[in-house]
Amino acid sequence: MASHRIGARVAGLSPAQLCAIIEAQARASDAALRVAEEHAARLVEQPEWMLSEELKQTKCTKPNTKDSKL
């Protein structure tokens, strides 16, 4: 199990080393959360028609054969 492997790896670490790992992970999580919040704020500021266009571009749909110019 993964938890046993992790436990075996951290068993030999000092409390200071464990704290350093935890603090580094917390900073990484804080940074990821800030980036996500900034992205969400930018999306909220977009006009509705622009969001609609972005969603159309990211959908995986079949092309409309009526409008195809093949």
PDB file of N, CA and C in Angstrom:
ATOM      1  N   MET A   1       0.836  -1.184   0.000  1.00  0.00           N
ATOM      2  CA  MET A   1       0.000   0.000   0.000  1.00  0.00           C
ATOM      3  C   MET A   1       0.881   1.249   0.000  1.00  0.00           C
ATOM      4  N   ALA A   2       0.376   2.284  -0.625  1.00  0.00           N
ATOM      5  CA  ALA A   2       1.130   3.534  -0.716  1.00  0.00           C
ATOM      6  C   ALA A   2       1.381   4.141   0.665  1.00  0.00           C
ATOM      7  N   SER A   3       0.403   4.031   1.547  1.00  0.00           N
ATOM      8  CA  SER A   3       0.582   4.642   2.875  1.00  0.00           C
ATOM      9  C   SER A   3       1.728   3.981   3.638  1.00  0.00           C
ATOM     10  N   HIS A   4       1.920   2.670   3.464  1.00  0.00           N
ATOM     11  CA  HIS A   4       3.027   1.981   4.132  1.00  0.00           C
ATOM     12  C   HIS A   4       4.363   2.443   3.571  1.00  0.00           C
ATOM     13  N   ARG A   5       4.427   2.634   2.238  1.00  0.00           N
ATOM     14  CA  ARG A   5       5.679   3.101   1.624  1.00  0.00           C
ATOM     15  C   ARG A   5       6.012   4.509   2.091  1.00  0.00           C
ATOM     16  N   ILE A   6       5.003   5.363   2.168  1.00  0.00           N
ATOM     17  CA  ILE A   6       5.231   6.740   2.629  1.00  0.00           C
ATOM     18  C   ILE A   6       5.668   6.723   4.086  1.00  0.00           C
ATOM     19  N   GLY A   7       4.989   5.921   4.891  1.00  0.00           N
ATOM     20  CA  GLY A   7       5.346   5.815   6.301  1.00  0.00           C
ATOM     21  C   GLY A   7       6.775   5.354   6.498  1.00  0.00           C
ATOM     22  N   ALA A   8       7.197   4.400   5.681  1.00  0.00           N
ATOM     23  CA  ALA A   8       8.570   3.898   5.784  1.00  0.00           C
ATOM     24  C   ALA A   8       9.566   4.979   5.399  1.00  0.00           C
ATOM     25  N   ARG A   9       9.224   5.801   4.436  1.00  0.00           N
ATOM     26  CA  ARG A   9      10.147   6.854   3.991  1.00  0.00           C
ATOM     27  C   ARG A   9      10.280   7.974   5.018  1.00  0.00           C
ATOM     28  N   VAL A  10       9.188   8.344   5.652  1.00  0.00           N
ATOM     29  CA  VAL A  10       9.243   9.471   6.583  1.00  0.00           C
ATOM     30  C   VAL A  10       9.639   9.038   7.988  1.00  0.00           C
ATOM     31  N   ALA A  11       9.666   7.741   8.255  1.00  0.00           N
ATOM     32  CA  ALA A  11       9.991   7.256   9.600  1.00  0.00           C
ATOM     33  C   ALA A  11      11.382   7.693  10.047  1.00  0.00           C
ATOM     34  N   GLY A  12      12.305   7.806   9.108  1.00  0.00           N
ATOM     35  CA  GLY A  12      13.669   8.166   9.467  1.00  0.00           C
ATOM     36  C   GLY A  12      13.938   9.657   9.480  1.00  0.00           C
ATOM     37  N   LEU A  13      12.945  10.469   9.182  1.00  0.00           N
ATOM     38  CA  LEU A  13      13.150  11.919   9.136  1.00  0.00           C
ATOM     39  C   LEU A  13      13.027  12.528  10.527  1.00  0.00           C
ATOM     40  N   SER A  14      13.744  13.600  10.724  1.00  0.00           N
ATOM     41  CA  SER A  14      13.645  14.318  11.996  1.00  0.00           C
ATOM     42  C   SER A  14      12.371  15.169  11.988  1.00  0.00           C
ATOM     43  N   PRO A  15      11.912  15.594  13.161  1.00  0.00           N
ATOM     44  CA  PRO A  15      10.742  16.475  13.203  1.00  0.00           C
ATOM     45  C   PRO A  15      10.939  17.751  12.381  1.00  0.00           C
ATOM     46  N   ALA A  16      12.144  18.285  12.377  1.00  0.00           N
ATOM     47  CA  ALA A  16      12.421  19.501  11.603  1.00  0.00           C
ATOM     48  C   ALA A  16      12.281  19.232  10.107  1.00  0.00           C
ATOM     49  N   GLN A  17      12.752  18.058   9.663  1.00  0.00           N
ATOM     50  CA  GLN A  17      12.627  17.703   8.249  1.00  0.00           C
ATOM     51  C   GLN A  17      11.163  17.519   7.867  1.00  0.00           C
ATOM     52  N   LEU A  18      10.403  16.876   8.740  1.00  0.00           N
ATOM     53  CA  LEU A  18       8.970  16.701   8.480  1.00  0.00           C
ATOM     54  C   LEU A  18       8.268  18.050   8.390  1.00  0.00           C
ATOM     55  N   CYS A  19       8.580  18.947   9.303  1.00  0.00           N
ATOM     56  CA  CYS A  19       7.974  20.288   9.282  1.00  0.00           C
ATOM     57  C   CYS A  19       8.332  21.024   7.991  1.00  0.00           C
ATOM     58  N   ALA A  20       9.570  20.880   7.541  1.00  0.00           N
ATOM     59  CA  ALA A  20       9.997  21.543   6.308  1.00  0.00           C
ATOM     60  C   ALA A  20       9.213  21.015   5.115  1.00  0.00           C
ATOM     61  N   ILE A  21       8.997  19.704   5.069  1.00  0.00           N
ATOM     62  CA  ILE A  21       8.220  19.109   3.974  1.00  0.00           C
ATOM     63  C   ILE A  21       6.779  19.612   4.007  1.00  0.00           C
ATOM     64  N   ILE A  22       6.193  19.614   5.181  1.00  0.00           N
ATOM     65  CA  ILE A  22       4.800  20.061   5.328  1.00  0.00           C
ATOM     66  C   ILE A  22       4.667  21.534   4.943  1.00  0.00           C
ATOM     67  N   GLU A  23       5.602  22.361   5.374  1.00  0.00           N
ATOM     68  CA  GLU A  23       5.552  23.786   5.036  1.00  0.00           C
ATOM     69  C   GLU A  23       5.719  24.007   3.533  1.00  0.00           C
ATOM     70  N   ALA A  24       6.594  23.241   2.897  1.00  0.00           N
ATOM     71  CA  ALA A  24       6.788  23.369   1.446  1.00  0.00           C
ATOM     72  C   ALA A  24       5.517  22.978   0.702  1.00  0.00           C
ATOM     73  N   GLN A  25       4.868  21.913   1.148  1.00  0.00           N
ATOM     74  CA  GLN A  25       3.616  21.482   0.517  1.00  0.00           C
ATOM     75  C   GLN A  25       2.522  22.524   0.714  1.00  0.00           C
ATOM     76  N   ALA A  26       2.470  23.126   1.888  1.00  0.00           N
ATOM     77  CA  ALA A  26       1.462  24.153   2.158  1.00  0.00           C
ATOM     78  C   ALA A  26       1.673  25.370   1.266  1.00  0.00           C
ATOM     79  N   ARG A  27       2.938  25.781   1.077  1.00  0.00           N
ATOM     80  CA  ARG A  27       3.219  26.922   0.187  1.00  0.00           C
ATOM     81  C   ARG A  27       2.824  26.599  -1.244  1.00  0.00           C
ATOM     82  N   ALA A  28       3.111  25.375  -1.688  1.00  0.00           N
ATOM     83  CA  ALA A  28       2.759  24.968  -3.050  1.00  0.00           C
ATOM     84  C   ALA A  28       1.240  24.969  -3.211  1.00  0.00           C
ATOM     85  N   SER A  29       0.527  24.494  -2.200  1.00  0.00           N
ATOM     86  CA  SER A  29      -0.933  24.471  -2.251  1.00  0.00           C
ATOM     87  C   SER A  29      -1.499  25.888  -2.257  1.00  0.00           C
ATOM     88  N   ASP A  30      -0.914  26.772  -1.448  1.00  0.00           N
ATOM     89  CA  ASP A  30      -1.349  28.167  -1.416  1.00  0.00           C
ATOM     90  C   ASP A  30      -1.148  28.830  -2.775  1.00  0.00           C
ATOM     91  N   ALA A  31      -0.012  28.553  -3.405  1.00  0.00           N
ATOM     92  CA  ALA A  31       0.273  29.144  -4.720  1.00  0.00           C
ATOM     93  C   ALA A  31      -0.711  28.632  -5.761  1.00  0.00           C
ATOM     94  N   ALA A  32      -0.997  27.339  -5.738  1.00  0.00           N
ATOM     95  CA  ALA A  32      -1.946  26.769  -6.695  1.00  0.00           C
ATOM     96  C   ALA A  32      -3.343  27.363  -6.483  1.00  0.00           C
ATOM     97  N   LEU A  33      -3.720  27.552  -5.240  1.00  0.00           N
ATOM     98  CA  LEU A  33      -5.024  28.142  -4.943  1.00  0.00           C
ATOM     99  C   LEU A  33      -5.096  29.578  -5.430  1.00  0.00           C
ATOM    100  N   ARG A  34      -4.026  30.347  -5.243  1.00  0.00           N
ATOM    101  CA  ARG A  34      -4.008  31.734  -5.727  1.00  0.00           C
ATOM    102  C   ARG A  34      -4.155  31.786  -7.243  1.00  0.00           C
ATOM    103  N   VAL A  35      -3.450  30.906  -7.949  1.00  0.00           N
ATOM    104  CA  VAL A  35      -3.546  30.875  -9.414  1.00  0.00           C
ATOM    105  C   VAL A  35      -4.970  30.535  -9.842  1.00  0.00           C
ATOM    106  N   ALA A  36      -5.575  29.557  -9.189  1.00  0.00           N
ATOM    107  CA  ALA A  36      -6.948  29.170  -9.521  1.00  0.00           C
ATOM    108  C   ALA A  36      -7.926  30.310  -9.251  1.00  0.00           C
ATOM    109  N   GLU A  37      -7.743  31.008  -8.136  1.00  0.00           N
ATOM    110  CA  GLU A  37      -8.621  32.132  -7.816  1.00  0.00           C
ATOM    111  C   GLU A  37      -8.468  33.266  -8.824  1.00  0.00           C
ATOM    112  N   GLU A  38      -7.234  33.545  -9.240  1.00  0.00           N
ATOM    113  CA  GLU A  38      -7.007  34.595 -10.244  1.00  0.00           C
ATOM    114  C   GLU A  38      -7.646  34.223 -11.576  1.00  0.00           C
ATOM    115  N   HIS A  39      -7.525  32.960 -11.948  1.00  0.00           N
ATOM    116  CA  HIS A  39      -8.127  32.502 -13.201  1.00  0.00           C
ATOM    117  C   HIS A  39      -9.649  32.624 -13.135  1.00  0.00           C
ATOM    118  N   ALA A  40     -10.225  32.211 -12.015  1.00  0.00           N
ATOM    119  CA  ALA A  40     -11.674  32.301 -11.844  1.00  0.00           C
ATOM    120  C   ALA A  40     -12.133  33.758 -11.890  1.00  0.00           C
ATOM    121  N   ALA A  41     -11.366  34.649 -11.273  1.00  0.00           N
ATOM    122  CA  ALA A  41     -11.727  36.072 -11.279  1.00  0.00           C
ATOM    123  C   ALA A  41     -11.704  36.628 -12.698  1.00  0.00           C
ATOM    124  N   ARG A  42     -10.704  36.221 -13.506  1.00  0.00           N
ATOM    125  CA  ARG A  42     -10.646  36.683 -14.903  1.00  0.00           C
ATOM    126  C   ARG A  42     -11.838  36.164 -15.695  1.00  0.00           C
ATOM    127  N   LEU A  43     -12.232  34.924 -15.446  1.00  0.00           N
ATOM    128  CA  LEU A  43     -13.385  34.372 -16.165  1.00  0.00           C
ATOM    129  C   LEU A  43     -14.666  35.117 -15.815  1.00  0.00           C
ATOM    130  N   VAL A  44     -14.809  35.484 -14.547  1.00  0.00           N
ATOM    131  CA  VAL A  44     -16.001  36.204 -14.107  1.00  0.00           C
ATOM    132  C   VAL A  44     -16.081  37.567 -14.787  1.00  0.00           C
ATOM    133  N   GLU A  45     -14.933  38.175 -15.056  1.00  0.00           N
ATOM    134  CA  GLU A  45     -14.900  39.501 -15.667  1.00  0.00           C
ATOM    135  C   GLU A  45     -15.207  39.474 -17.159  1.00  0.00           C
ATOM    136  N   GLN A  46     -15.171  38.291 -17.794  1.00  0.00           N
ATOM    137  CA  GLN A  46     -15.392  38.197 -19.231  1.00  0.00           C
ATOM    138  C   GLN A  46     -16.869  38.403 -19.557  1.00  0.00           C
ATOM    139  N   PRO A  47     -17.146  39.070 -20.690  1.00  0.00           N
ATOM    140  CA  PRO A  47     -18.541  39.178 -21.126  1.00  0.00           C
ATOM    141  C   PRO A  47     -19.095  37.789 -21.440  1.00  0.00           C
ATOM    142  N   GLU A  48     -20.397  37.633 -21.296  1.00  0.00           N
ATOM    143  CA  GLU A  48     -21.025  36.325 -21.483  1.00  0.00           C
ATOM    144  C   GLU A  48     -20.774  35.759 -22.883  1.00  0.00           C
ATOM    145  N   TRP A  49     -20.812  36.595 -23.906  1.00  0.00           N
ATOM    146  CA  TRP A  49     -20.622  36.089 -25.267  1.00  0.00           C
ATOM    147  C   TRP A  49     -19.215  35.513 -25.443  1.00  0.00           C
ATOM    148  N   MET A  50     -18.213  36.107 -24.748  1.00  0.00           N
ATOM    149  CA  MET A  50     -16.844  35.618 -24.874  1.00  0.00           C
ATOM    150  C   MET A  50     -16.706  34.257 -24.201  1.00  0.00           C
ATOM    151  N   LEU A  51     -17.328  34.100 -23.058  1.00  0.00           N
ATOM    152  CA  LEU A  51     -17.295  32.805 -22.381  1.00  0.00           C
ATOM    153  C   LEU A  51     -17.957  31.741 -23.244  1.00  0.00           C
ATOM    154  N   SER A  52     -19.063  32.116 -23.872  1.00  0.00           N
ATOM    155  CA  SER A  52     -19.762  31.188 -24.744  1.00  0.00           C
ATOM    156  C   SER A  52     -18.853  30.731 -25.883  1.00  0.00           C
ATOM    157  N   GLU A  53     -18.120  31.668 -26.480  1.00  0.00           N
ATOM    158  CA  GLU A  53     -17.199  31.323 -27.569  1.00  0.00           C
ATOM    159  C   GLU A  53     -16.076  30.413 -27.072  1.00  0.00           C
ATOM    160  N   GLU A  54     -15.559  30.686 -25.886  1.00  0.00           N
ATOM    161  CA  GLU A  54     -14.500  29.840 -25.331  1.00  0.00           C
ATOM    162  C   GLU A  54     -14.998  28.427 -25.098  1.00  0.00           C
ATOM    163  N   LEU A  55     -16.222  28.304 -24.582  1.00  0.00           N
ATOM    164  CA  LEU A  55     -16.780  26.978 -24.338  1.00  0.00           C
ATOM    165  C   LEU A  55     -16.990  26.225 -25.645  1.00  0.00           C
ATOM    166  N   LYS A  56     -17.427  26.928 -26.675  1.00  0.00           N
ATOM    167  CA  LYS A  56     -17.618  26.277 -27.971  1.00  0.00           C
ATOM    168  C   LYS A  56     -16.298  25.724 -28.489  1.00  0.00           C
ATOM    169  N   GLN A  57     -15.219  26.460 -28.294  1.00  0.00           N
ATOM    170  CA  GLN A  57     -13.916  26.033 -28.799  1.00  0.00           C
ATOM    171  C   GLN A  57     -13.363  24.846 -28.031  1.00  0.00           C
ATOM    172  N   THR A  58     -13.733  24.691 -26.778  1.00  0.00           N
ATOM    173  CA  THR A  58     -13.162  23.617 -25.972  1.00  0.00           C
ATOM    174  C   THR A  58     -14.002  22.350 -25.999  1.00  0.00           C
ATOM    175  N   LYS A  59     -15.219  22.397 -26.521  1.00  0.00           N
ATOM    176  CA  LYS A  59     -16.059  21.204 -26.581  1.00  0.00           C
ATOM    177  C   LYS A  59     -15.536  20.247 -27.631  1.00  0.00           C
ATOM    178  N   CYS A  60     -15.696  18.981 -27.357  1.00  0.00           N
ATOM    179  CA  CYS A  60     -15.322  17.950 -28.329  1.00  0.00           C
ATOM    180  C   CYS A  60     -16.595  17.504 -29.045  1.00  0.00           C
ATOM    181  N   THR A  61     -16.900  18.139 -30.125  1.00  0.00           N
ATOM    182  CA  THR A  61     -18.100  17.787 -30.874  1.00  0.00           C
ATOM    183  C   THR A  61     -17.739  17.522 -32.315  1.00  0.00           C
ATOM    184  N   LYS A  62     -18.646  16.848 -33.015  1.00  0.00           N
ATOM    185  CA  LYS A  62     -18.448  16.603 -34.433  1.00  0.00           C
ATOM    186  C   LYS A  62     -18.647  17.909 -35.179  1.00  0.00           C
ATOM    187  N   PRO A  63     -17.909  18.144 -36.246  1.00  0.00           N
ATOM    188  CA  PRO A  63     -18.144  19.352 -37.031  1.00  0.00           C
ATOM    189  C   PRO A  63     -19.505  19.282 -37.719  1.00  0.00           C
ATOM    190  N   ASN A  64     -20.104  20.425 -37.891  1.00  0.00           N
ATOM    191  CA  ASN A  64     -21.393  20.506 -38.565  1.00  0.00           C
ATOM    192  C   ASN A  64     -21.161  20.298 -40.059  1.00  0.00           C
ATOM    193  N   THR A  65     -21.717  19.228 -40.606  1.00  0.00           N
ATOM    194  CA  THR A  65     -21.441  18.900 -42.009  1.00  0.00           C
ATOM    195  C   THR A  65     -22.105  19.885 -42.961  1.00  0.00           C
ATOM    196  N   LYS A  66     -23.164  20.541 -42.525  1.00  0.00           N
ATOM    197  CA  LYS A  66     -23.827  21.530 -43.398  1.00  0.00           C
ATOM    198  C   LYS A  66     -22.903  22.718 -43.672  1.00  0.00           C
ATOM    199  N   ASP A  67     -22.149  23.108 -42.641  1.00  0.00           N
ATOM    200  CA  ASP A  67     -21.298  24.291 -42.763  1.00  0.00           C
ATOM    201  C   ASP A  67     -19.874  23.948 -43.204  1.00  0.00           C
ATOM    202  N   SER A  68     -19.569  22.663 -43.351  1.00  0.00           N
ATOM    203  CA  SER A  68     -18.210  22.289 -43.746  1.00  0.00           C
ATOM    204  C   SER A  68     -17.934  22.705 -45.169  1.00  0.00           C
ATOM    205  N   LYS A  69     -16.698  23.114 -45.399  1.00  0.00           N
ATOM    206  CA  LYS A  69     -16.320  23.544 -46.741  1.00  0.00           C
ATOM    207  C   LYS A  69     -15.273  22.569 -47.303  1.00  0.00           C
ATOM    208  N   LEU A  70     -15.551  21.300 -47.209  1.00  0.00           N
ATOM    209  CA  LEU A  70     -14.615  20.285 -47.707  1.00  0.00           C
ATOM    210  C   LEU A  70     -14.862  19.989 -49.159  1.00  0.00           C
TER     211      LEU A  70
END
